[in-house]
Protein backbone atom coordinates (compact mmCIF):
# COMPACT_ATOMS: atom_id res chain seq x y z
CA GLY A 1 -0.24 -0.05 -0.02
CA VAL A 2 2.93 2.30 -0.07
CA LYS A 3 3.53 4.21 -3.18
CA THR A 4 7.21 3.41 -4.31
CA PRO A 5 8.97 5.46 -7.46
CA LEU A 6 10.01 3.00 -10.23
CA SER A 7 12.80 3.95 -12.54
CA ILE A 8 14.07 1.60 -15.18
CA ASP A 9 17.11 1.89 -17.44
CA VAL A 10 16.39 0.41 -20.73
CA VAL A 11 19.55 0.23 -23.35
CA ALA A 12 18.44 0.44 -26.90
CA THR A 13 20.17 1.25 -30.22
CA THR A 14 18.28 4.33 -31.15
CA SER A 15 20.20 4.89 -34.37
CA SER A 16 17.39 3.09 -36.20
CA PRO A 17 14.28 5.24 -36.63
CA VAL A 18 11.83 2.52 -35.87
CA THR A 19 13.84 1.49 -32.70
CA ALA A 20 14.15 5.28 -31.57
CA GLN A 21 10.17 5.63 -32.15
CA ILE A 22 9.45 2.42 -30.05
CA ALA A 23 11.75 3.59 -27.33
CA SER A 24 9.84 6.93 -27.05
CA SER A 25 6.69 5.19 -27.11
CA ILE A 26 7.62 3.03 -24.33
CA GLU A 27 8.84 5.85 -22.40
CA GLN A 28 5.74 8.02 -22.51
CA THR A 29 3.47 5.18 -22.27
CA ALA A 30 5.28 4.21 -19.17
CA ARG A 31 5.28 7.85 -17.77
CA ALA A 32 1.48 7.87 -18.11
CA ALA A 33 1.42 4.94 -15.72
CA GLY A 34 3.88 6.45 -13.34
CA VAL A 35 7.13 4.89 -14.41
CA LYS A 36 9.98 6.67 -15.36
CA ILE A 37 11.93 4.94 -18.13
CA ASN A 38 15.60 6.02 -18.89
CA ILE A 39 16.33 5.14 -22.42
CA VAL A 40 20.09 4.53 -22.50
CA PRO A 41 21.23 4.89 -26.29
CA LEU A 42 24.03 2.53 -27.11
CA GLY A 43 25.49 1.29 -30.65
CA LEU A 44 24.45 -2.03 -31.74
CA GLN A 45 28.06 -3.53 -30.88
CA GLU A 46 27.85 -2.04 -27.50
CA LEU A 47 24.32 -3.19 -26.91
CA SER A 48 25.22 -6.64 -27.81
CA GLU A 49 28.19 -6.49 -25.57
CA GLU A 50 26.45 -5.07 -22.56
CA THR A 51 23.33 -7.52 -22.75
CA ARG A 52 25.37 -10.83 -23.31
CA ALA A 53 27.53 -9.73 -20.16
CA GLY A 54 24.01 -9.26 -18.21
CA ARG A 55 24.77 -5.49 -17.74
CA PHE A 56 21.52 -4.12 -18.26
CA GLU A 57 17.95 -3.77 -16.25
CA ALA A 58 15.87 -3.66 -19.51
CA ALA A 59 16.86 -3.86 -23.22
CA LEU A 60 15.13 -3.27 -26.58
CA TYR A 61 16.38 -5.28 -29.09
CA GLY A 62 14.92 -7.29 -32.17
CA LEU A 63 14.60 -11.18 -32.47
CA GLY A 64 15.05 -12.58 -36.17
CA GLN A 65 13.69 -15.93 -37.15
CA PHE A 66 14.00 -18.08 -40.02
CA PRO A 67 11.07 -20.28 -41.59
CA GLY A 68 11.62 -23.39 -40.11
CA LEU A 69 11.55 -25.16 -37.08
CA ASN A 70 11.62 -22.75 -33.86
CA ASP A 71 14.92 -23.64 -31.80
CA PHE A 72 14.20 -22.37 -28.28
CA TYR A 73 17.91 -23.70 -27.43
CA GLN A 74 19.67 -20.23 -28.23
CA ASN A 75 17.39 -17.98 -26.16
CA TYR A 76 16.31 -19.79 -23.56
CA HIS A 77 18.28 -23.10 -22.80
CA SER A 78 20.70 -22.61 -19.70
CA LYS A 79 23.43 -23.72 -21.57
CA SER A 80 23.24 -20.69 -23.67
CA LEU A 81 24.00 -18.43 -20.93
CA SER A 82 27.45 -18.23 -21.85
CA PRO A 83 28.86 -15.34 -23.73
CA ALA A 84 28.37 -17.28 -26.91
CA GLY A 85 24.85 -18.11 -26.42
CA ASP A 86 21.63 -15.45 -26.66
CA ASN A 87 19.98 -16.32 -23.37
CA ARG A 88 20.66 -12.84 -22.23
CA GLY A 89 17.61 -12.68 -19.94
CA GLY A 90 19.28 -15.46 -17.88
CA PHE A 91 16.54 -17.73 -18.18
CA ALA A 92 17.24 -21.02 -16.55
CA ASN A 93 14.97 -23.99 -15.96
CA PRO A 94 15.87 -27.47 -16.12
CA GLU A 95 12.41 -28.67 -17.12
CA PHE A 96 12.49 -26.41 -20.12
CA ASP A 97 15.92 -27.44 -20.80
CA ARG A 98 14.66 -30.99 -20.99
CA LEU A 99 11.90 -29.95 -23.27
CA THR A 100 14.13 -28.10 -25.45
CA ASP A 101 16.66 -31.14 -25.86
CA GLU A 102 13.84 -33.42 -26.52
CA ILE A 103 12.24 -30.96 -29.23
CA ARG A 104 15.64 -30.88 -31.08
CA GLY A 105 15.86 -34.75 -30.95
CA THR A 106 12.27 -35.60 -32.07
CA SER A 107 11.36 -36.37 -35.79
CA ASP A 108 7.90 -37.14 -34.69
CA GLU A 109 5.95 -34.12 -35.89
CA ALA A 110 3.02 -34.78 -33.56
CA LYS A 111 5.25 -35.43 -30.56
CA ARG A 112 7.31 -32.53 -31.25
CA ASN A 113 4.22 -30.15 -31.74
CA GLU A 114 3.05 -31.47 -28.15
CA LEU A 115 6.54 -30.52 -26.72
CA TYR A 116 6.29 -27.03 -28.23
CA ILE A 117 3.10 -26.38 -26.66
CA GLN A 118 4.49 -27.41 -23.37
CA ALA A 119 7.58 -25.29 -23.95
CA GLN A 120 5.41 -22.43 -24.77
CA GLN A 121 3.30 -22.70 -21.81
CA MET A 122 6.26 -22.55 -19.72
CA LEU A 123 7.51 -19.29 -21.51
CA HIS A 124 4.05 -17.87 -21.36
CA ASP A 125 4.13 -18.44 -17.42
CA GLN A 126 7.70 -17.58 -16.67
CA VAL A 127 8.14 -14.61 -19.24
CA PRO A 128 11.82 -14.54 -19.71
CA GLU A 129 10.92 -11.89 -22.24
CA VAL A 130 8.36 -9.71 -23.42
CA PHE A 131 7.65 -9.33 -26.90
CA LEU A 132 6.16 -6.09 -28.11
CA TYR A 133 5.18 -6.55 -31.73
CA ALA A 134 5.58 -8.61 -34.82
CA PRO A 135 5.69 -7.30 -38.43
CA GLU A 136 2.75 -7.96 -40.43
CA GLN A 137 3.79 -10.34 -43.31
CA ARG A 138 1.84 -11.26 -46.29
CA TYR A 139 2.30 -14.75 -47.72
CA ILE A 140 1.42 -16.15 -51.13
CA GLY A 141 0.74 -19.88 -51.86
CA SER A 142 -0.08 -21.80 -54.64
CA LYS A 143 -1.25 -25.56 -55.17
CA ARG A 144 1.95 -25.97 -57.37
CA PHE A 145 4.11 -25.46 -54.59
CA LYS A 146 4.47 -27.17 -51.17
CA CYS A 147 4.11 -24.34 -48.72
CA VAL A 148 6.16 -23.92 -45.65
CA PHE A 149 4.76 -21.26 -43.20
CA SER A 150 7.26 -19.11 -41.17
CA SER A 151 7.71 -19.30 -37.57
CA ASN A 152 8.15 -15.24 -37.53
CA ARG A 153 5.70 -14.67 -34.67
CA PRO A 154 7.20 -13.57 -31.12
CA GLY A 155 7.94 -16.36 -29.21
CA TYR A 156 5.33 -19.23 -30.56
CA TYR A 157 5.48 -21.76 -32.95
CA GLU A 158 1.90 -21.90 -34.76
CA PRO A 159 1.64 -25.65 -35.96
């Protein structure tokens, strides 16, 4: 019941106009809720170094995915906490690690999809990252081609 001021430093590469606009929007929206956001502008290389070393309170950076099976290992497996990995949020959960390893080793699509759902539920419940948006993308398909749908969505695998 005690009102406590909240101030968060958010590291971001504001050299990109889109990222600068997103940072500004976050700052303004948080201010309306009584939270002070301090945008700390960094170059891309410096942002990468600082986040990999865990020297940040919050970070604004993008995530690229390729149109194929989603691999949670690099971003969320505890073994990717090393400087070479991308688990910058420090997420570590032995059950999630087990699911990730099993997904990587399962060729049975139905079983893999079941494991993806379990892993996604854990990510949803434990929130190691907050995805702000996903760009809209248009896909064109034809019966002449076997269509493979992209997994370019924030943190979940559609099939």
